[in-house]
N, C-alpha and C. Protein backbone atom coordinates (compact mmCIF):
# COMPACT_ATOMS: atom_id res chain seq x y z
N MET A 1 24.02 11.75 30.15
CA MET A 1 24.36 11.37 28.79
C MET A 1 23.63 10.09 28.38
N LYS A 2 23.59 9.13 29.29
CA LYS A 2 22.89 7.87 28.99
C LYS A 2 21.40 8.13 28.75
N PHE A 3 20.85 9.05 29.53
CA PHE A 3 19.43 9.38 29.38
C PHE A 3 19.12 9.85 27.96
N TRP A 4 19.95 10.75 27.44
CA TRP A 4 19.72 11.29 26.10
C TRP A 4 19.90 10.22 25.02
N ALA A 5 20.84 9.34 25.22
CA ALA A 5 21.06 8.26 24.26
C ALA A 5 19.86 7.32 24.23
N ILE A 6 19.35 6.97 25.40
CA ILE A 6 18.18 6.09 25.49
C ILE A 6 16.96 6.78 24.88
N LEU A 7 16.79 8.06 25.17
CA LEU A 7 15.67 8.82 24.62
C LEU A 7 15.74 8.88 23.10
N LEU A 8 16.91 9.12 22.56
CA LEU A 8 17.08 9.18 21.12
C LEU A 8 16.76 7.83 20.46
N ILE A 9 17.24 6.76 21.05
CA ILE A 9 16.96 5.42 20.52
C ILE A 9 15.46 5.13 20.56
N ALA A 10 14.81 5.50 21.66
CA ALA A 10 13.37 5.27 21.79
C ALA A 10 12.60 6.05 20.72
N LEU A 11 13.00 7.29 20.48
CA LEU A 11 12.32 8.10 19.47
C LEU A 11 12.51 7.51 18.07
N VAL A 12 13.69 7.02 17.77
CA VAL A 12 13.95 6.40 16.47
C VAL A 12 13.08 5.15 16.29
N VAL A 13 12.99 4.34 17.32
CA VAL A 13 12.18 3.12 17.25
C VAL A 13 10.71 3.47 17.04
N VAL A 14 10.19 4.43 17.78
CA VAL A 14 8.79 4.84 17.65
C VAL A 14 8.54 5.38 16.24
N HIS A 15 9.45 6.19 15.75
CA HIS A 15 9.30 6.75 14.40
C HIS A 15 9.26 5.63 13.35
N CYS A 16 10.12 4.66 13.46
CA CYS A 16 10.17 3.56 12.49
C CYS A 16 8.88 2.74 12.52
N VAL A 17 8.35 2.51 13.69
CA VAL A 17 7.11 1.74 13.82
C VAL A 17 5.96 2.46 13.13
N PHE A 18 5.83 3.76 13.37
CA PHE A 18 4.73 4.50 12.76
C PHE A 18 4.94 4.69 11.27
N ALA A 19 6.16 4.88 10.83
CA ALA A 19 6.44 5.07 9.40
C ALA A 19 6.14 3.80 8.62
N SER A 20 6.46 2.64 9.17
CA SER A 20 6.20 1.40 8.44
C SER A 20 4.71 1.13 8.34
N GLY A 21 3.94 1.53 9.32
CA GLY A 21 2.49 1.36 9.27
C GLY A 21 1.85 2.20 8.18
N LYS A 22 2.36 3.40 7.97
CA LYS A 22 1.81 4.29 6.96
C LYS A 22 2.08 3.78 5.55
N GLN A 23 3.21 3.12 5.37
CA GLN A 23 3.59 2.68 4.03
C GLN A 23 2.55 1.74 3.44
N TYR A 24 1.95 0.91 4.24
CA TYR A 24 1.01 -0.09 3.73
C TYR A 24 -0.44 0.24 4.04
N SER A 25 -0.70 1.41 4.60
CA SER A 25 -2.06 1.73 5.03
C SER A 25 -3.01 1.92 3.85
N GLU A 26 -2.51 2.28 2.68
CA GLU A 26 -3.42 2.51 1.57
C GLU A 26 -3.84 1.23 0.85
N CYS A 27 -3.21 0.12 1.16
CA CYS A 27 -3.57 -1.16 0.56
C CYS A 27 -4.57 -1.87 1.47
N SER A 28 -5.61 -2.41 0.88
CA SER A 28 -6.57 -3.17 1.66
C SER A 28 -6.83 -4.50 0.97
N LYS A 29 -7.35 -5.44 1.73
CA LYS A 29 -7.65 -6.76 1.17
C LYS A 29 -9.14 -7.00 1.33
N LYS A 30 -9.82 -7.14 0.21
CA LYS A 30 -11.27 -7.38 0.23
C LYS A 30 -11.56 -8.55 -0.68
N GLY A 31 -12.27 -9.52 -0.17
CA GLY A 31 -12.63 -10.68 -0.97
C GLY A 31 -11.43 -11.44 -1.49
N GLY A 32 -10.34 -11.45 -0.73
CA GLY A 32 -9.14 -12.16 -1.14
C GLY A 32 -8.26 -11.41 -2.12
N ARG A 33 -8.64 -10.18 -2.46
CA ARG A 33 -7.87 -9.39 -3.42
C ARG A 33 -7.25 -8.18 -2.74
N HIS A 34 -5.98 -7.95 -3.03
CA HIS A 34 -5.31 -6.74 -2.56
C HIS A 34 -5.67 -5.61 -3.51
N GLN A 35 -6.04 -4.47 -2.95
CA GLN A 35 -6.44 -3.36 -3.80
C GLN A 35 -6.06 -2.02 -3.17
N ILE A 36 -5.86 -1.04 -4.04
CA ILE A 36 -5.50 0.30 -3.61
C ILE A 36 -6.54 1.25 -4.20
N SER A 37 -7.33 1.86 -3.34
CA SER A 37 -8.41 2.74 -3.78
C SER A 37 -7.87 4.01 -4.41
N ASP A 38 -8.59 4.54 -5.36
CA ASP A 38 -8.33 5.83 -6.01
C ASP A 38 -6.99 5.91 -6.73
N LEU A 39 -6.35 4.79 -7.00
CA LEU A 39 -5.05 4.83 -7.68
C LEU A 39 -5.21 4.97 -9.19
N CYS A 40 -6.36 4.64 -9.72
CA CYS A 40 -6.55 4.69 -11.17
C CYS A 40 -7.29 5.95 -11.63
N LYS A 41 -7.45 6.91 -10.73
CA LYS A 41 -8.12 8.16 -11.10
C LYS A 41 -7.25 8.98 -12.04
N SER A 42 -7.87 9.69 -12.92
CA SER A 42 -7.21 10.66 -13.80
C SER A 42 -6.07 10.07 -14.61
N GLY A 43 -6.19 8.85 -15.06
CA GLY A 43 -5.18 8.25 -15.93
C GLY A 43 -3.84 8.00 -15.28
N SER A 44 -3.81 7.78 -13.99
CA SER A 44 -2.55 7.51 -13.28
C SER A 44 -1.92 6.22 -13.80
N THR A 45 -0.60 6.20 -13.85
CA THR A 45 0.13 5.00 -14.29
C THR A 45 0.76 4.27 -13.12
N ASN A 46 0.34 4.57 -11.90
CA ASN A 46 0.92 3.95 -10.71
C ASN A 46 0.43 2.54 -10.46
N CYS A 47 -0.60 2.10 -11.15
CA CYS A 47 -1.10 0.74 -10.96
C CYS A 47 -0.19 -0.21 -11.74
N ASN A 48 0.92 -0.59 -11.09
CA ASN A 48 1.93 -1.43 -11.76
C ASN A 48 2.54 -2.42 -10.78
N ASN A 49 3.39 -3.31 -11.27
CA ASN A 49 3.99 -4.36 -10.44
C ASN A 49 4.74 -3.80 -9.24
N ASN A 50 5.60 -2.81 -9.47
CA ASN A 50 6.41 -2.28 -8.38
C ASN A 50 5.56 -1.65 -7.30
N TYR A 51 4.54 -0.90 -7.69
CA TYR A 51 3.68 -0.24 -6.70
C TYR A 51 2.93 -1.27 -5.87
N CYS A 52 2.42 -2.32 -6.51
CA CYS A 52 1.71 -3.37 -5.78
C CYS A 52 2.64 -4.14 -4.85
N LYS A 53 3.86 -4.40 -5.29
CA LYS A 53 4.83 -5.09 -4.43
C LYS A 53 5.17 -4.25 -3.22
N GLU A 54 5.38 -2.95 -3.43
CA GLU A 54 5.78 -2.06 -2.35
C GLU A 54 4.65 -1.80 -1.36
N LYS A 55 3.48 -1.47 -1.87
CA LYS A 55 2.37 -1.06 -1.00
C LYS A 55 1.60 -2.23 -0.41
N CYS A 56 1.46 -3.32 -1.15
CA CYS A 56 0.63 -4.44 -0.69
C CYS A 56 1.43 -5.69 -0.34
N ARG A 57 2.72 -5.67 -0.58
CA ARG A 57 3.58 -6.83 -0.32
C ARG A 57 3.11 -8.06 -1.08
N VAL A 58 2.66 -7.88 -2.31
CA VAL A 58 2.21 -8.98 -3.15
C VAL A 58 3.41 -9.50 -3.93
N GLU A 59 3.67 -10.81 -3.86
CA GLU A 59 4.85 -11.40 -4.50
C GLU A 59 4.80 -11.33 -6.03
N ASN A 60 3.77 -11.87 -6.63
CA ASN A 60 3.63 -11.88 -8.09
C ASN A 60 2.36 -11.14 -8.49
N PRO A 61 2.39 -9.81 -8.43
CA PRO A 61 1.17 -9.05 -8.70
C PRO A 61 0.77 -9.10 -10.17
N LYS A 62 -0.52 -8.96 -10.38
CA LYS A 62 -1.08 -8.81 -11.72
C LYS A 62 -1.97 -7.57 -11.67
N PRO A 63 -1.35 -6.39 -11.61
CA PRO A 63 -2.11 -5.16 -11.39
C PRO A 63 -2.98 -4.77 -12.58
N LYS A 64 -4.17 -4.31 -12.27
CA LYS A 64 -5.04 -3.75 -13.30
C LYS A 64 -6.07 -2.84 -12.65
N CYS A 65 -6.45 -1.83 -13.39
CA CYS A 65 -7.50 -0.93 -12.92
C CYS A 65 -8.85 -1.61 -13.12
N GLY A 66 -9.80 -1.27 -12.27
CA GLY A 66 -11.13 -1.85 -12.37
C GLY A 66 -11.77 -1.55 -13.72
N ASP A 67 -12.59 -2.48 -14.18
CA ASP A 67 -13.25 -2.30 -15.47
C ASP A 67 -14.77 -2.31 -15.37
N GLY A 68 -15.28 -2.29 -14.15
CA GLY A 68 -16.72 -2.26 -13.96
C GLY A 68 -17.38 -3.62 -13.95
N LYS A 69 -16.61 -4.66 -14.19
CA LYS A 69 -17.16 -6.02 -14.21
C LYS A 69 -17.05 -6.65 -12.82
N SER A 70 -17.63 -7.81 -12.66
CA SER A 70 -17.62 -8.50 -11.38
C SER A 70 -16.19 -8.76 -10.92
N GLY A 71 -15.90 -8.40 -9.68
CA GLY A 71 -14.57 -8.59 -9.11
C GLY A 71 -13.69 -7.36 -9.24
N THR A 72 -13.94 -6.54 -10.23
CA THR A 72 -13.19 -5.29 -10.41
C THR A 72 -14.17 -4.16 -10.73
N GLU A 73 -15.15 -3.99 -9.86
CA GLU A 73 -16.24 -3.05 -10.11
C GLU A 73 -15.81 -1.60 -10.14
N ASP A 74 -14.93 -1.21 -9.20
CA ASP A 74 -14.57 0.21 -9.06
C ASP A 74 -13.49 0.58 -10.06
N LYS A 75 -13.81 1.46 -10.99
CA LYS A 75 -12.86 1.84 -12.04
C LYS A 75 -11.72 2.72 -11.52
N ASN A 76 -11.84 3.25 -10.32
CA ASN A 76 -10.78 4.08 -9.73
C ASN A 76 -9.81 3.26 -8.89
N THR A 77 -10.09 1.98 -8.69
CA THR A 77 -9.28 1.13 -7.82
C THR A 77 -8.30 0.29 -8.62
N CYS A 78 -7.08 0.16 -8.07
CA CYS A 78 -6.07 -0.72 -8.66
C CYS A 78 -6.15 -2.06 -7.94
N TYR A 79 -6.39 -3.12 -8.69
CA TYR A 79 -6.46 -4.47 -8.14
C TYR A 79 -5.11 -5.15 -8.39
N CYS A 80 -4.44 -5.56 -7.32
CA CYS A 80 -3.07 -6.07 -7.43
C CYS A 80 -2.98 -7.57 -7.68
N ASN A 81 -4.03 -8.32 -7.43
CA ASN A 81 -4.00 -9.77 -7.68
C ASN A 81 -5.38 -10.28 -8.01
């Protein structure tokens, strides 16, 4: 019985570790800016404060889609700060 309890606890811990890693895997930091690639494709409205806080752990995000100018070159990328 103890064996199964320990095994179950170990599986839950392993699952939580891998699940938390996936949550933030789509956010990257380049040149001091947190960004999420391909979030602004096809008129998506996901480039917002809540999404940046959740995915990139940014405290006071200022999300915007790229506009092709310096610093926000990729129009498909959401820049969170």
